[in-house]
């Protein structure tokens, strides 16, 4: 399989700017968090979107979720959310966690800007997913999901992109494998995690991904209270009664640089990330009802 180098270059460029040029970004590195928000808002504008901010205050500081959307035609009130968090853990530069997820969202926004779709596709970049805000009232995605519920929005589903860039064919690279009984022994797949209520969305996602032969994946329907199952922004949508799935490389179960200062761009496999984006193109196209076009991942990978 030949990987499109233009896509790989864009993905690596986003990750490099966030992790190397801006660096750690959170309440402990608040000016950098603000620079990241400004940069990502501008990135959406350069792609032709008109992003808006959902802002809120914590301890005298302003935090922002960034929202951009492609309006649907026909079922515009039904909304698919594609989201990722842009803050990082403490002193980590956050190349994989979660620069990889942000890069994938922006690449999907680039691809979707010319689509004709039935449902509305909304891109949301969340703040304050990491400590000390994880699963608290100040978590950006929780504030956003609560607003969706208060506004009676019809959220058809939420896809959470979380730590996507680690890939390895080495046997033993996937931890908590239990000899392959729970997880494969090689970290060469995308994990897709849902709770019981989100199983219909999980089934649709996996049915579409089965057409993407180049993308290995494992689907997990787990109790929502499990630490690994609830560990990202999809949890906020579960809490508010919306279907959501997390798509991840399994983060600390594979990526040895998780939440560390060594989470730098050179640790990521961008060929793998291109394949993940190609699979997401197929999934998102199906979920939003892409019109009058042949859905293809050819822009990302070619046989």
Protein backbone atom coordinates (compact mmCIF):
# COMPACT_ATOMS: atom_id res chain seq x y z
CA UNK A 1 0.00 0.00 0.00
CA UNK A 2 1.26 3.45 -0.96
CA UNK A 3 0.66 6.24 1.56
CA UNK A 4 -0.22 9.70 0.28
CA UNK A 5 2.64 11.92 1.43
CA UNK A 6 0.62 15.11 1.21
CA UNK A 7 -1.77 13.83 3.86
CA UNK A 8 1.09 12.52 5.98
CA UNK A 9 2.83 15.89 5.76
CA UNK A 10 -0.27 17.78 6.87
CA UNK A 11 -0.85 15.45 9.81
CA UNK A 12 2.76 15.64 10.96
CA UNK A 13 2.73 19.42 10.52
CA UNK A 14 -0.24 19.84 12.85
CA UNK A 15 1.32 17.56 15.46
CA UNK A 16 4.70 19.28 15.23
CA UNK A 17 3.21 22.74 15.67
CA UNK A 18 1.17 21.73 18.71
CA UNK A 19 3.81 19.61 20.42
CA UNK A 20 7.07 21.30 19.38
CA UNK A 21 6.20 24.93 18.68
CA UNK A 22 3.54 25.38 21.37
CA UNK A 23 4.30 22.51 23.74
CA UNK A 24 2.46 21.64 26.97
CA UNK A 25 -0.95 23.35 26.99
CA UNK A 26 -3.25 23.29 29.99
CA UNK A 27 -4.07 25.30 33.10
CA UNK A 28 -0.44 24.92 34.23
CA UNK A 29 0.70 26.30 30.85
CA UNK A 30 -2.23 28.62 30.29
CA UNK A 31 -0.69 31.02 27.71
CA UNK A 32 0.23 28.00 25.56
CA UNK A 33 -3.31 26.65 25.85
CA UNK A 34 -4.61 30.00 24.60
CA UNK A 35 -2.11 29.99 21.72
CA UNK A 36 -3.27 26.52 20.75
CA UNK A 37 -6.91 27.64 20.74
CA UNK A 38 -6.08 30.65 18.56
CA UNK A 39 -4.07 28.49 16.16
CA UNK A 40 -6.81 25.88 15.81
CA UNK A 41 -9.51 28.50 15.29
CA UNK A 42 -7.39 29.97 12.49
CA UNK A 43 -6.85 26.48 11.03
CA UNK A 44 -10.62 26.03 10.73
CA UNK A 45 -10.94 29.45 9.07
CA UNK A 46 -8.25 28.60 6.53
CA UNK A 47 -10.28 25.52 5.62
CA UNK A 48 -13.30 27.69 4.89
CA UNK A 49 -15.27 27.18 8.10
CA UNK A 50 -16.67 29.80 10.45
CA UNK A 51 -15.69 28.45 13.86
CA UNK A 52 -17.26 29.64 17.09
CA UNK A 53 -16.08 29.36 20.66
CA UNK A 54 -17.95 28.05 23.64
CA UNK A 55 -16.21 29.83 26.50
CA UNK A 56 -16.46 29.42 30.25
CA UNK A 57 -14.55 30.60 33.30
CA UNK A 58 -12.66 28.58 35.91
CA UNK A 59 -10.80 30.34 38.71
CA UNK A 60 -10.72 33.61 36.81
CA UNK A 61 -9.42 32.09 33.56
CA UNK A 62 -11.30 31.65 30.30
CA UNK A 63 -11.34 28.28 28.56
CA UNK A 64 -12.70 27.56 25.09
CA UNK A 65 -14.18 24.71 23.13
CA UNK A 66 -13.90 25.31 19.37
CA UNK A 67 -16.79 24.36 17.09
CA UNK A 68 -17.05 24.24 13.29
CA UNK A 69 -19.64 22.49 11.18
CA UNK A 70 -20.76 21.43 7.74
CA UNK A 71 -24.54 21.84 7.48
CA UNK A 72 -26.58 18.89 6.31
CA UNK A 73 -29.23 18.93 3.62
CA UNK A 74 -32.46 17.14 4.45
CA UNK A 75 -31.77 15.97 8.01
CA UNK A 76 -29.77 19.00 9.13
CA UNK A 77 -31.12 18.81 12.68
CA UNK A 78 -29.43 15.43 13.13
CA UNK A 79 -25.82 16.02 14.12
CA UNK A 80 -22.74 13.82 14.05
CA UNK A 81 -19.96 15.14 16.29
CA UNK A 82 -16.31 14.42 15.56
CA UNK A 83 -14.28 15.55 18.55
CA UNK A 84 -10.85 15.56 20.19
CA UNK A 85 -9.21 17.43 23.05
CA UNK A 86 -6.35 19.86 22.46
CA UNK A 87 -5.05 20.25 26.00
CA UNK A 88 -2.25 18.07 27.40
CA UNK A 89 -1.28 16.37 30.63
CA UNK A 90 0.83 18.63 32.87
CA UNK A 91 4.33 18.98 31.29
CA UNK A 92 3.72 16.67 28.34
CA UNK A 93 3.99 18.24 24.86
CA UNK A 94 1.15 15.92 23.82
CA UNK A 95 2.16 14.82 20.33
CA UNK A 96 0.13 11.63 20.50
CA UNK A 97 -2.12 12.67 23.40
CA UNK A 98 -3.78 14.35 21.73
CA UNK A 99 -2.08 16.11 18.85
CA UNK A 100 -2.75 13.01 16.75
CA UNK A 101 -6.50 13.28 17.39
CA UNK A 102 -6.54 17.00 16.61
CA UNK A 103 -4.62 16.42 13.37
CA UNK A 104 -7.14 13.76 12.33
CA UNK A 105 -10.09 16.07 13.05
CA UNK A 106 -8.56 18.86 10.96
CA UNK A 107 -7.81 16.48 8.10
CA UNK A 108 -11.43 15.26 8.14
CA UNK A 109 -12.57 18.89 8.15
CA UNK A 110 -10.39 19.48 5.08
CA UNK A 111 -11.88 16.48 3.30
CA UNK A 112 -15.50 17.27 4.25
CA UNK A 113 -15.52 20.93 3.26
CA UNK A 114 -16.72 20.07 -0.26
CA UNK A 115 -19.11 17.25 0.69
CA UNK A 116 -22.85 17.34 0.22
CA UNK A 117 -24.29 15.55 3.23
CA UNK A 118 -27.69 14.71 4.65
CA UNK A 119 -26.90 15.15 8.36
CA UNK A 120 -24.90 17.96 9.89
CA UNK A 121 -21.26 17.20 10.59
CA UNK A 122 -19.86 19.10 13.54
CA UNK A 123 -16.20 19.27 14.52
CA UNK A 124 -15.50 20.09 18.17
CA UNK A 125 -12.08 20.59 19.75
CA UNK A 126 -12.36 20.34 23.51
CA UNK A 127 -10.38 21.96 26.29
CA UNK A 128 -9.74 20.61 29.80
CA UNK A 129 -9.92 16.88 29.19
CA UNK A 130 -6.78 16.31 31.21
CA UNK A 131 -6.00 16.62 34.94
CA UNK A 132 -7.18 18.37 37.07
CA UNK A 133 -10.42 18.59 35.09
CA UNK A 134 -10.93 14.96 34.01
CA UNK A 135 -14.55 13.94 34.68
CA UNK A 136 -15.26 17.12 36.65
CA UNK A 137 -17.80 19.88 36.09
CA UNK A 138 -15.10 21.93 34.34
CA UNK A 139 -14.22 19.33 31.69
CA UNK A 140 -14.74 21.01 28.32
CA UNK A 141 -16.59 18.15 26.68
CA UNK A 142 -18.96 17.79 29.65
CA UNK A 143 -19.88 21.45 29.45
CA UNK A 144 -20.42 21.06 25.72
CA UNK A 145 -22.50 17.86 26.00
CA UNK A 146 -24.64 19.42 28.71
CA UNK A 147 -25.33 22.36 26.41
CA UNK A 148 -26.36 19.96 23.64
CA UNK A 149 -28.78 18.29 26.03
CA UNK A 150 -30.14 21.61 27.33
CA UNK A 151 -30.71 22.78 23.74
CA UNK A 152 -32.48 19.50 22.85
CA UNK A 153 -30.09 18.90 19.99
CA UNK A 154 -30.43 15.66 18.07
CA UNK A 155 -26.96 14.20 18.43
CA UNK A 156 -26.93 11.19 16.10
CA UNK A 157 -23.58 10.10 17.51
CA UNK A 158 -20.21 11.28 18.74
CA UNK A 159 -16.85 9.94 17.57
CA UNK A 160 -14.06 10.70 20.03
CA UNK A 161 -10.54 10.63 18.58
CA UNK A 162 -8.06 9.94 21.35
CA UNK A 163 -4.32 9.17 21.06
CA UNK A 164 -4.17 7.58 17.60
CA UNK A 165 -0.56 7.59 16.44
CA UNK A 166 1.18 4.59 18.04
CA UNK A 167 1.56 1.45 15.91
CA UNK A 168 3.79 -1.59 16.27
CA UNK A 169 4.03 -5.06 14.74
CA UNK A 170 6.28 -6.19 17.60
CA UNK A 171 4.86 -9.11 19.58
CA UNK A 172 4.34 -7.91 23.14
CA UNK A 173 3.88 -4.26 22.18
CA UNK A 174 0.23 -4.40 23.26
CA UNK A 175 -0.11 -4.62 27.03
CA UNK A 176 -2.88 -6.31 29.05
CA UNK A 177 -3.07 -8.85 26.26
CA UNK A 178 -3.31 -11.90 28.55
CA UNK A 179 -1.76 -14.05 25.85
CA UNK A 180 -4.08 -12.61 23.24
CA UNK A 181 -7.25 -13.53 25.16
CA UNK A 182 -8.30 -9.92 25.82
CA UNK A 183 -6.24 -7.81 23.43
CA UNK A 184 -4.02 -8.85 20.51
CA UNK A 185 -0.33 -9.13 21.40
CA UNK A 186 0.69 -6.61 18.73
CA UNK A 187 -0.17 -2.93 18.86
CA UNK A 188 -1.20 -2.80 15.22
CA UNK A 189 -4.93 -2.07 15.45
CA UNK A 190 -7.39 0.70 16.17
CA UNK A 191 -9.52 0.12 19.28
CA UNK A 192 -13.15 1.27 19.16
CA UNK A 193 -14.85 1.48 22.54
CA UNK A 194 -18.52 1.90 23.40
CA UNK A 195 -20.81 1.40 26.35
CA UNK A 196 -23.97 -0.72 26.10
CA UNK A 197 -26.20 2.21 25.14
CA UNK A 198 -23.86 3.11 22.27
CA UNK A 199 -23.77 -0.37 20.74
CA UNK A 200 -25.90 0.64 17.71
CA UNK A 201 -23.35 3.32 16.82
CA UNK A 202 -20.49 0.88 17.40
CA UNK A 203 -22.12 -1.60 15.02
CA UNK A 204 -22.46 1.00 12.28
CA UNK A 205 -18.85 2.14 12.68
CA UNK A 206 -17.43 -1.38 12.59
CA UNK A 207 -19.62 -2.45 9.66
CA UNK A 208 -18.18 0.41 7.62
CA UNK A 209 -14.60 -0.21 8.71
CA UNK A 210 -14.81 -3.81 7.54
CA UNK A 211 -14.71 -2.38 4.01
CA UNK A 212 -11.34 -0.73 4.78
CA UNK A 213 -9.07 -3.73 4.44
CA UNK A 214 -5.93 -1.81 5.33
CA UNK A 215 -7.19 -0.81 8.79
CA UNK A 216 -7.13 -3.43 11.53
CA UNK A 217 -9.50 -2.72 14.39
CA UNK A 218 -10.91 -4.27 17.53
CA UNK A 219 -14.34 -3.34 18.88
CA UNK A 220 -15.11 -3.34 22.61
CA UNK A 221 -18.49 -2.89 24.29
CA UNK A 222 -17.54 -2.24 27.90
CA UNK A 223 -19.13 -1.16 31.19
CA UNK A 224 -18.85 2.61 31.27
CA UNK A 225 -17.36 2.64 34.79
CA UNK A 226 -14.18 0.84 33.70
CA UNK A 227 -11.22 3.27 33.94
CA UNK A 228 -10.00 2.60 30.40
CA UNK A 229 -13.47 2.74 28.90
CA UNK A 230 -14.37 6.15 30.30
CA UNK A 231 -11.02 7.89 29.82
CA UNK A 232 -11.80 10.59 27.28
CA UNK A 233 -14.42 13.00 25.99
CA UNK A 234 -16.92 10.36 24.85
CA UNK A 235 -17.67 9.84 28.57
CA UNK A 236 -19.28 13.29 28.69
CA UNK A 237 -21.73 12.30 25.97
CA UNK A 238 -22.52 9.00 27.68
CA UNK A 239 -23.32 10.97 30.82
CA UNK A 240 -25.80 13.09 28.88
CA UNK A 241 -27.59 10.23 27.17
CA UNK A 242 -25.94 10.39 23.74
CA UNK A 243 -24.37 7.54 21.81
CA UNK A 244 -20.60 7.90 21.56
CA UNK A 245 -17.56 5.77 20.78
CA UNK A 246 -13.88 6.33 21.40
CA UNK A 247 -11.36 5.51 18.69
CA UNK A 248 -7.84 5.06 20.07
CA UNK A 249 -4.51 3.27 19.82
CA UNK A 250 -5.25 2.25 23.47
CA UNK A 251 -2.93 4.95 24.84
CA UNK A 252 -1.21 3.65 28.05
CA UNK A 253 -1.83 0.04 27.03
CA UNK A 254 0.57 0.51 24.11
CA UNK A 255 2.25 3.90 24.13
CA UNK A 256 5.16 3.96 26.55
CA UNK A 257 5.46 7.77 26.36
CA UNK A 258 1.88 8.39 27.49
CA UNK A 259 1.52 11.48 29.72
CA UNK A 260 5.27 12.05 29.71
CA UNK A 261 7.65 14.73 28.47
CA UNK A 262 8.76 12.24 25.82
CA UNK A 263 5.40 12.37 23.99
CA UNK A 264 7.04 14.08 21.01
CA UNK A 265 6.31 13.93 17.26
CA UNK A 266 9.19 11.55 16.48
CA UNK A 267 7.40 8.80 18.46
CA UNK A 268 4.39 8.69 16.11
CA UNK A 269 3.77 6.49 13.08
CA UNK A 270 2.27 8.87 10.55
CA UNK A 271 1.75 6.18 7.90
CA UNK A 272 -0.55 4.48 10.38
CA UNK A 273 -2.30 7.77 11.16
CA UNK A 274 -2.97 8.27 7.45
CA UNK A 275 -4.68 4.86 7.38
CA UNK A 276 -6.77 5.76 10.41
CA UNK A 277 -7.91 8.96 8.68
CA UNK A 278 -8.78 6.95 5.56
CA UNK A 279 -10.98 4.69 7.66
CA UNK A 280 -12.59 7.70 9.30
CA UNK A 281 -13.44 9.18 5.92
CA UNK A 282 -15.47 6.06 5.20
CA UNK A 283 -17.12 6.00 8.62
CA UNK A 284 -18.05 9.67 8.70
CA UNK A 285 -19.28 9.57 5.09
CA UNK A 286 -21.68 6.77 5.96
CA UNK A 287 -22.92 8.31 9.21
CA UNK A 288 -23.70 11.74 7.71
CA UNK A 289 -25.18 10.37 4.48
CA UNK A 290 -22.69 11.76 2.00
CA UNK A 291 -24.53 12.55 -1.26
CA UNK A 292 -23.96 12.03 -4.96
CA UNK A 293 -20.34 11.07 -4.58
CA UNK A 294 -18.45 7.85 -4.50
CA UNK A 295 -17.05 7.53 -1.00
CA UNK A 296 -13.42 6.63 -1.25
CA UNK A 297 -10.25 6.67 0.79
CA UNK A 298 -8.16 7.02 -2.36
CA UNK A 299 -7.03 10.50 -1.33
CA UNK A 300 -5.22 8.91 1.58
CA UNK A 301 -4.13 5.46 0.50
CA UNK A 302 -3.84 3.81 -2.88
CA UNK A 303 -3.42 0.15 -3.65
